[in-house]
Protein backbone atom coordinates (compact mmCIF):
# COMPACT_ATOMS: atom_id res chain seq x y z
CA UNK A 1 14.29 -11.61 29.11
CA UNK A 2 14.95 -13.13 26.08
CA UNK A 3 12.47 -12.21 23.19
CA UNK A 4 12.36 -14.11 19.75
CA UNK A 5 10.19 -12.10 17.48
CA UNK A 6 9.01 -13.43 13.85
CA UNK A 7 6.19 -11.99 11.39
CA UNK A 8 4.53 -13.64 8.06
CA UNK A 9 5.21 -10.32 6.03
CA UNK A 10 9.04 -11.29 5.56
CA UNK A 11 12.12 -10.10 7.64
CA UNK A 12 11.65 -6.45 5.45
CA UNK A 13 8.46 -5.87 6.45
CA UNK A 14 8.50 -2.75 8.54
CA UNK A 15 6.09 -4.10 11.26
CA UNK A 16 8.82 -6.53 12.79
CA UNK A 17 11.29 -3.55 13.11
CA UNK A 18 8.84 -1.14 14.97
CA UNK A 19 8.07 -3.69 16.94
CA UNK A 20 12.00 -4.71 17.93
CA UNK A 21 12.28 -1.11 18.56
CA UNK A 22 10.14 -1.29 20.87
CA UNK A 23 10.97 -4.46 22.69
CA UNK A 24 14.09 -3.29 23.21
CA UNK A 25 13.08 -1.78 26.63
CA UNK A 26 11.96 -5.19 27.51
CA UNK A 27 14.65 -7.53 27.47
CA UNK A 28 17.03 -8.59 24.50
CA UNK A 29 15.47 -9.20 21.35
CA UNK A 30 16.54 -11.81 18.64
CA UNK A 31 14.87 -12.01 15.13
CA UNK A 32 14.09 -14.82 13.03
CA UNK A 33 12.00 -14.26 10.17
CA UNK A 34 11.35 -15.95 6.66
CA UNK A 35 13.35 -14.27 3.94
CA UNK A 36 9.94 -13.22 1.97
CA UNK A 37 6.25 -12.85 2.31
CA UNK A 38 4.47 -16.39 3.99
CA UNK A 39 0.56 -14.78 4.25
CA UNK A 40 -1.86 -17.35 4.02
CA UNK A 41 0.70 -20.19 5.37
CA UNK A 42 -1.06 -21.00 9.09
CA UNK A 43 1.24 -23.37 10.89
CA UNK A 44 2.79 -25.14 7.95
CA UNK A 45 5.86 -26.49 8.17
CA UNK A 46 8.38 -27.57 5.91
CA UNK A 47 9.37 -31.37 5.50
CA UNK A 48 10.36 -31.90 2.28
CA UNK A 49 13.80 -29.71 1.90
CA UNK A 50 16.25 -28.33 4.08
CA UNK A 51 15.75 -24.92 5.07
CA UNK A 52 18.12 -22.27 5.00
CA UNK A 53 18.88 -19.78 7.62
CA UNK A 54 21.14 -16.79 7.20
CA UNK A 55 22.29 -14.07 9.76
CA UNK A 56 21.30 -10.67 7.82
CA UNK A 57 22.52 -7.04 8.50
CA UNK A 58 20.08 -5.54 11.55
CA UNK A 59 19.39 -1.58 11.56
CA UNK A 60 18.82 -2.01 15.61
CA UNK A 61 22.45 -2.32 17.52
CA UNK A 62 22.05 -5.29 20.27
CA UNK A 63 19.08 -7.05 17.33
CA UNK A 64 20.51 -10.27 15.83
CA UNK A 65 18.72 -11.25 12.94
CA UNK A 66 18.00 -14.19 11.16
CA UNK A 67 16.34 -15.04 7.80
CA UNK A 68 14.90 -18.22 7.16
CA UNK A 69 13.46 -19.88 3.55
CA UNK A 70 11.07 -21.40 5.43
CA UNK A 71 7.60 -20.46 6.98
CA UNK A 72 7.02 -18.29 10.49
CA UNK A 73 6.35 -21.91 12.44
CA UNK A 74 9.75 -23.28 10.21
CA UNK A 75 11.30 -19.61 11.95
CA UNK A 76 9.85 -20.59 15.53
CA UNK A 77 11.03 -24.21 15.65
CA UNK A 78 14.32 -23.98 14.38
CA UNK A 79 15.40 -20.92 16.87
CA UNK A 80 13.72 -23.02 20.19
CA UNK A 81 15.19 -26.40 19.47
CA UNK A 82 18.27 -25.87 17.83
CA UNK A 83 19.66 -21.65 17.32
CA UNK A 84 18.70 -20.69 20.98
CA UNK A 85 17.09 -23.94 23.00
CA UNK A 86 16.12 -23.09 26.35
CA UNK A 87 16.72 -19.59 26.09
CA UNK A 88 13.42 -17.90 24.89
CA UNK A 89 11.03 -16.03 27.15
CA UNK A 90 8.80 -15.02 25.10
CA UNK A 91 7.58 -15.51 21.25
CA UNK A 92 6.35 -12.49 19.56
CA UNK A 93 4.51 -12.63 16.05
CA UNK A 94 4.34 -9.19 14.34
CA UNK A 95 3.29 -6.51 13.79
CA UNK A 96 1.21 -7.90 10.59
CA UNK A 97 -0.14 -6.40 7.92
CA UNK A 98 -3.51 -6.69 7.98
CA UNK A 99 -6.17 -8.55 10.74
CA UNK A 100 -5.94 -11.72 11.91
CA UNK A 101 -9.39 -12.31 13.62
CA UNK A 102 -12.35 -15.05 13.83
CA UNK A 103 -12.00 -18.15 12.36
CA UNK A 104 -9.06 -17.17 10.20
CA UNK A 105 -6.89 -17.47 12.94
CA UNK A 106 -6.00 -21.21 11.89
CA UNK A 107 -4.58 -20.05 8.16
CA UNK A 108 -2.51 -16.88 9.42
CA UNK A 109 1.20 -17.19 9.31
CA UNK A 110 1.31 -14.79 12.43
CA UNK A 111 -0.80 -17.19 14.63
CA UNK A 112 0.76 -19.90 13.52
CA UNK A 113 4.20 -19.05 14.51
CA UNK A 114 2.86 -17.85 17.86
CA UNK A 115 0.91 -21.07 18.28
CA UNK A 116 4.74 -23.26 17.64
CA UNK A 117 6.03 -21.10 20.71
CA UNK A 118 2.81 -21.65 23.17
CA UNK A 119 3.18 -25.53 21.86
CA UNK A 120 6.75 -25.40 23.14
CA UNK A 121 5.67 -24.29 26.47
CA UNK A 122 6.83 -20.53 25.96
CA UNK A 123 4.25 -17.57 25.87
CA UNK A 124 3.14 -15.75 22.62
CA UNK A 125 1.44 -13.24 21.63
CA UNK A 126 0.75 -12.63 17.79
CA UNK A 127 -0.13 -8.96 16.80
CA UNK A 128 -1.77 -7.03 13.74
CA UNK A 129 -2.80 -4.06 12.81
CA UNK A 130 -5.98 -3.35 11.19
CA UNK A 131 -4.79 -1.97 7.63
CA UNK A 132 -3.08 -2.88 4.40
CA UNK A 133 -1.83 0.83 3.08
CA UNK A 134 -0.41 3.88 5.87
CA UNK A 135 -0.38 1.99 8.51
CA UNK A 136 0.17 3.74 12.16
CA UNK A 137 2.37 1.05 13.88
CA UNK A 138 2.79 2.89 17.07
CA UNK A 139 0.41 1.96 19.23
CA UNK A 140 1.07 -1.89 18.27
CA UNK A 141 4.90 -1.66 19.03
CA UNK A 142 3.48 -0.15 22.40
CA UNK A 143 1.33 -2.85 23.38
CA UNK A 144 3.87 -5.50 22.08
CA UNK A 145 6.49 -3.95 24.65
CA UNK A 146 3.83 -3.62 27.66
CA UNK A 147 2.74 -7.00 27.25
CA UNK A 148 6.28 -8.29 27.53
CA UNK A 149 6.96 -6.37 30.84
CA UNK A 150 3.76 -7.82 32.23
CA UNK A 151 5.52 -11.38 31.60
CA UNK A 152 8.81 -10.18 32.54
CA UNK A 153 7.34 -9.26 35.86
CA UNK A 154 5.01 -12.03 36.32
CA UNK A 155 1.76 -10.48 35.86
CA UNK A 156 0.84 -12.49 32.83
CA UNK A 157 0.52 -16.86 33.22
CA UNK A 158 3.13 -18.66 32.04
CA UNK A 159 2.49 -20.49 29.06
CA UNK A 160 -0.50 -18.03 27.23
CA UNK A 161 -1.23 -17.62 23.84
CA UNK A 162 -2.52 -14.29 22.99
CA UNK A 163 -4.11 -13.23 19.42
CA UNK A 164 -4.07 -8.79 19.73
CA UNK A 165 -5.47 -6.89 16.82
CA UNK A 166 -5.41 -3.36 16.66
CA UNK A 167 -7.29 -0.48 14.54
CA UNK A 168 -4.90 0.80 12.13
CA UNK A 169 -5.12 4.53 14.01
CA UNK A 170 -2.76 6.72 15.88
CA UNK A 171 -2.64 5.99 19.84
CA UNK A 172 -4.94 9.05 20.78
CA UNK A 173 -7.47 7.65 18.68
CA UNK A 174 -8.02 4.24 20.33
CA UNK A 175 -11.05 3.47 22.51
CA UNK A 176 -9.59 1.41 25.03
CA UNK A 177 -8.94 -2.43 24.97
CA UNK A 178 -10.95 -5.27 25.32
CA UNK A 179 -10.92 -8.39 26.32
CA UNK A 180 -12.61 -10.27 23.46
CA UNK A 181 -13.59 -13.65 21.66
CA UNK A 182 -13.38 -15.24 18.18
CA UNK A 183 -16.02 -13.92 15.31
CA UNK A 184 -17.24 -16.83 13.71
CA UNK A 185 -16.64 -15.47 10.43
CA UNK A 186 -13.03 -13.61 9.32
CA UNK A 187 -12.95 -13.59 5.94
CA UNK A 188 -14.73 -15.80 3.05
CA UNK A 189 -12.64 -16.93 0.48
CA UNK A 190 -13.62 -16.50 -3.42
CA UNK A 191 -12.72 -19.12 -6.36
CA UNK A 192 -12.09 -17.55 -9.92
CA UNK A 193 -11.35 -20.18 -12.87
CA UNK A 194 -8.59 -17.96 -14.54
CA UNK A 195 -8.23 -20.31 -17.40
CA UNK A 196 -8.91 -24.11 -18.08
CA UNK A 197 -7.84 -26.40 -15.21
CA UNK A 198 -6.44 -23.42 -13.48
CA UNK A 199 -8.41 -21.62 -10.63
CA UNK A 200 -7.53 -19.22 -7.79
CA UNK A 201 -8.15 -18.62 -4.47
CA UNK A 202 -8.88 -14.78 -3.29
CA UNK A 203 -9.56 -13.49 0.29
CA UNK A 204 -12.33 -11.01 0.61
CA UNK A 205 -13.05 -9.69 3.63
CA UNK A 206 -16.52 -10.99 5.19
CA UNK A 207 -18.77 -9.11 7.47
CA UNK A 208 -18.23 -11.33 10.48
CA UNK A 209 -19.85 -11.46 13.73
CA UNK A 210 -20.64 -7.92 15.79
CA UNK A 211 -21.50 -9.76 18.78
CA UNK A 212 -20.27 -7.50 21.78
CA UNK A 213 -17.03 -8.78 23.22
CA UNK A 214 -16.15 -10.57 19.73
CA UNK A 215 -12.43 -9.45 18.44
CA UNK A 216 -13.95 -8.51 14.87
CA UNK A 217 -16.90 -5.96 17.27
CA UNK A 218 -13.75 -4.46 19.20
CA UNK A 219 -11.99 -3.42 16.34
CA UNK A 220 -15.10 -1.85 14.90
CA UNK A 221 -15.23 0.50 18.30
CA UNK A 222 -11.63 1.53 17.88
CA UNK A 223 -10.54 -0.69 20.12
CA UNK A 224 -7.93 -2.86 20.82
CA UNK A 225 -8.38 -6.54 21.09
CA UNK A 226 -6.79 -9.10 23.11
CA UNK A 227 -7.96 -13.04 22.45
CA UNK A 228 -7.08 -15.48 24.43
CA UNK A 229 -6.35 -18.89 22.79
CA UNK A 230 -6.74 -22.10 23.99
CA UNK A 231 -5.66 -25.64 22.42
CA UNK A 232 -5.44 -27.32 25.56
CA UNK A 233 -5.36 -30.95 23.77
CA UNK A 234 -4.50 -32.36 27.29
CA UNK A 235 -8.10 -31.88 28.56
CA UNK A 236 -10.09 -32.56 25.58
CA UNK A 237 -11.03 -35.64 26.88
CA UNK A 238 -13.35 -34.27 29.65
CA UNK A 239 -15.19 -32.07 27.89
CA UNK A 240 -18.79 -32.06 26.75
CA UNK A 241 -18.25 -33.37 23.18
CA UNK A 242 -15.73 -36.34 24.44
CA UNK A 243 -18.51 -37.31 27.12
CA UNK A 244 -20.81 -37.82 24.51
CA UNK A 245 -18.62 -39.17 22.09
CA UNK A 246 -17.83 -42.13 24.59
CA UNK A 247 -21.32 -42.97 24.95
CA UNK A 248 -21.81 -42.81 21.16
CA UNK A 249 -18.81 -44.86 20.84
CA UNK A 250 -20.05 -48.46 21.46
CA UNK A 251 -23.10 -47.82 19.25
CA UNK A 252 -20.81 -46.62 16.33
CA UNK A 253 -18.36 -50.12 17.32
CA UNK A 254 -21.55 -52.64 16.78
CA UNK A 255 -22.63 -50.58 14.01
CA UNK A 256 -19.21 -50.66 12.44
CA UNK A 257 -19.37 -54.98 12.84
CA UNK A 258 -23.07 -54.94 11.56
CA UNK A 259 -22.66 -53.07 8.62
CA UNK A 260 -23.37 -54.19 4.76
């Protein structure tokens, strides 16, 4: 199995090397990761200038590593479309420092990279730990390796996208695994004026949804949250909202023609 590994914390972040070491038992691991931290860039891609890719020294024998002067999504696109076309079986993004919960997945560079793998038809995982200091990567690295093995065995469906979040706890203190749904809140944004015409957006941990079955709820129970994500645009035409809009379309068109 050929595993492509990236993150949004940068190629020197300890989480990516912890999971790379664990994944070596599941297959051949190649790292293509941002040269610098790219947290919060979501699925942003670089269009206005070339992206430099540099091979770097890897501390793990058998693991080739490359740094990119771009975003996590850039890393996956360049890797699967140019560096290793038709060779990647699994994309893993992480281990991220800090959680990716609820609607915050849409601004997460970690999830954004995994989404690019998914959009290229490759099973993809985003893995994060709910902490910022004194991080414990053992459980996250182990669950990544186990999921990779299940993908290789064909037990996991092909072409899936999973968002995995773990409590920042030693393995023996984790209370289980929950298959969850997204919470309706992750963080809140605060805007501060730092000087005239200059503003700073900062992120504060929000209260989030504690409904049983949500990702935030699972972490607060000291359990691992695995959230299947779906961006099945091909089937969007048949969902109930689309059907309502189809009925509304003639009314909108008539209103458009008679609008004054």
